[in-house]
Amino acid sequence: MGYPTWADCSLIGMSAGSVMTAGPTALVEATGELPTVGAHSIGLVFIGGFAYIGLILLLMWQALHGQPVIAPNGTMFFAYGLWMVAVTALMVIAVWRSQRLREVQDSMII
């Protein structure tokens, strides 16, 4: 089994992009509400952007160390796991804060 081609890397990158857009969508579906345009929905967009940049940096780091994309070493597995935990935590915090903000705004309405 040889190293992956550019087409393989492109497919992996597009798949990762699809997964990253599915994460915030799943969180919104879990809350049962669509986000309104505001600071909290913009926060999810920024998290998605930073998550994508982080993934690209991890892939560059792996490439610079001469590792194949489909066979990372233990350090890369740890880095990818840490990246996934951080992105998930940030998305959960953003959705939780938006729900909390809505509750506070609803309680202010008399």
Protein backbone atom coordinates (compact mmCIF):
# COMPACT_ATOMS: atom_id res chain seq x y z
CA MET A 1 0.00 0.00 0.00
CA GLY A 2 1.55 3.27 -1.12
CA TYR A 3 1.18 6.83 -0.03
CA PRO A 4 -2.10 8.60 -0.73
CA THR A 5 -2.44 10.68 -3.86
CA TRP A 6 -3.57 14.30 -4.05
CA ALA A 7 -7.05 13.05 -4.90
CA ASP A 8 -7.12 11.04 -1.66
CA CYS A 9 -6.00 14.06 0.36
CA SER A 10 -8.62 16.23 -1.34
CA LEU A 11 -11.33 13.70 -0.54
CA ILE A 12 -10.24 13.57 3.09
CA GLY A 13 -10.25 17.37 3.29
CA MET A 14 -13.72 17.65 1.79
CA SER A 15 -15.03 14.94 4.10
CA ALA A 16 -13.60 16.75 7.12
CA GLY A 17 -15.31 19.95 5.95
CA SER A 18 -18.61 18.12 5.75
CA VAL A 19 -18.21 16.69 9.25
CA MET A 20 -17.35 20.11 10.67
CA THR A 21 -20.48 21.67 9.20
CA ALA A 22 -22.58 18.75 10.48
CA GLY A 23 -21.41 19.33 14.07
CA PRO A 24 -23.01 22.75 14.60
CA THR A 25 -26.08 21.61 12.67
CA ALA A 26 -26.49 18.64 15.01
CA LEU A 27 -26.15 20.92 18.04
CA VAL A 28 -28.82 23.25 16.69
CA GLU A 29 -31.09 20.30 15.96
CA ALA A 30 -30.60 19.04 19.52
CA THR A 31 -31.81 22.35 20.95
CA GLY A 32 -34.89 22.34 18.73
CA GLU A 33 -34.41 25.97 17.70
CA LEU A 34 -32.77 27.65 14.77
CA PRO A 35 -30.28 30.32 15.80
CA THR A 36 -31.20 33.90 15.18
CA VAL A 37 -28.72 36.20 13.55
CA GLY A 38 -26.65 37.59 16.37
CA ALA A 39 -23.50 37.20 18.37
CA HIS A 40 -24.16 33.56 19.30
CA SER A 41 -24.67 32.35 15.72
CA ILE A 42 -21.65 34.31 14.60
CA GLY A 43 -19.72 32.53 17.36
CA LEU A 44 -20.50 29.16 15.77
CA VAL A 45 -19.23 30.44 12.43
CA PHE A 46 -15.97 31.56 14.02
CA ILE A 47 -15.58 28.23 15.80
CA GLY A 48 -16.09 26.41 12.50
CA GLY A 49 -13.50 28.62 10.82
CA PHE A 50 -10.93 28.12 13.55
CA ALA A 51 -11.65 24.38 13.57
CA TYR A 52 -10.95 24.24 9.83
CA ILE A 53 -7.71 26.21 10.24
CA GLY A 54 -6.69 23.88 13.08
CA LEU A 55 -7.33 20.83 10.92
CA ILE A 56 -5.27 22.26 8.07
CA LEU A 57 -2.42 23.02 10.48
CA LEU A 58 -2.55 19.47 11.86
CA LEU A 59 -2.45 18.05 8.33
CA MET A 60 0.50 20.33 7.46
CA TRP A 61 2.33 19.24 10.60
CA GLN A 62 1.75 15.61 9.66
CA ALA A 63 2.96 16.23 6.10
CA LEU A 64 6.09 18.06 7.26
CA HIS A 65 6.97 15.07 9.43
CA GLY A 66 6.64 12.79 6.41
CA GLN A 67 3.74 10.78 7.77
CA PRO A 68 1.03 9.43 5.48
CA VAL A 69 -2.41 10.92 6.05
CA ILE A 70 -4.03 7.53 6.54
CA ALA A 71 -1.38 6.20 8.95
CA PRO A 72 -0.62 8.82 11.62
CA ASN A 73 1.56 8.01 14.61
CA GLY A 74 0.50 8.20 18.26
CA THR A 75 1.37 11.88 18.60
CA MET A 76 -0.89 12.76 15.70
CA PHE A 77 -3.73 10.63 17.07
CA PHE A 78 -3.41 12.53 20.35
CA ALA A 79 -3.34 15.89 18.51
CA TYR A 80 -6.42 14.99 16.44
CA GLY A 81 -8.23 13.82 19.57
CA LEU A 82 -7.35 17.02 21.40
CA TRP A 83 -8.53 19.04 18.39
CA MET A 84 -11.87 17.18 18.31
CA VAL A 85 -12.43 17.62 22.05
CA ALA A 86 -11.61 21.34 21.88
CA VAL A 87 -13.90 22.00 18.90
CA THR A 88 -16.75 20.03 20.45
CA ALA A 89 -16.36 21.82 23.79
CA LEU A 90 -16.36 25.23 22.10
CA MET A 91 -19.50 24.40 20.12
CA VAL A 92 -21.31 23.14 23.23
CA ILE A 93 -20.31 26.28 25.16
CA ALA A 94 -21.50 28.52 22.30
CA VAL A 95 -24.90 26.82 22.12
CA TRP A 96 -25.27 26.80 25.91
CA ARG A 97 -24.45 30.52 26.08
CA SER A 98 -26.97 31.31 23.36
CA GLN A 99 -29.68 29.39 25.26
CA ARG A 100 -28.75 31.17 28.47
CA LEU A 101 -28.87 34.53 26.69
CA ARG A 102 -32.35 33.74 25.35
CA GLU A 103 -33.56 32.78 28.83
CA VAL A 104 -32.27 36.05 30.27
CA GLN A 105 -33.84 38.06 27.44
CA ASP A 106 -37.16 36.23 27.84
CA SER A 107 -37.19 36.88 31.59
CA MET A 108 -36.70 40.62 30.97
CA ILE A 109 -39.85 40.84 28.85
CA ILE A 110 -42.80 41.81 31.03
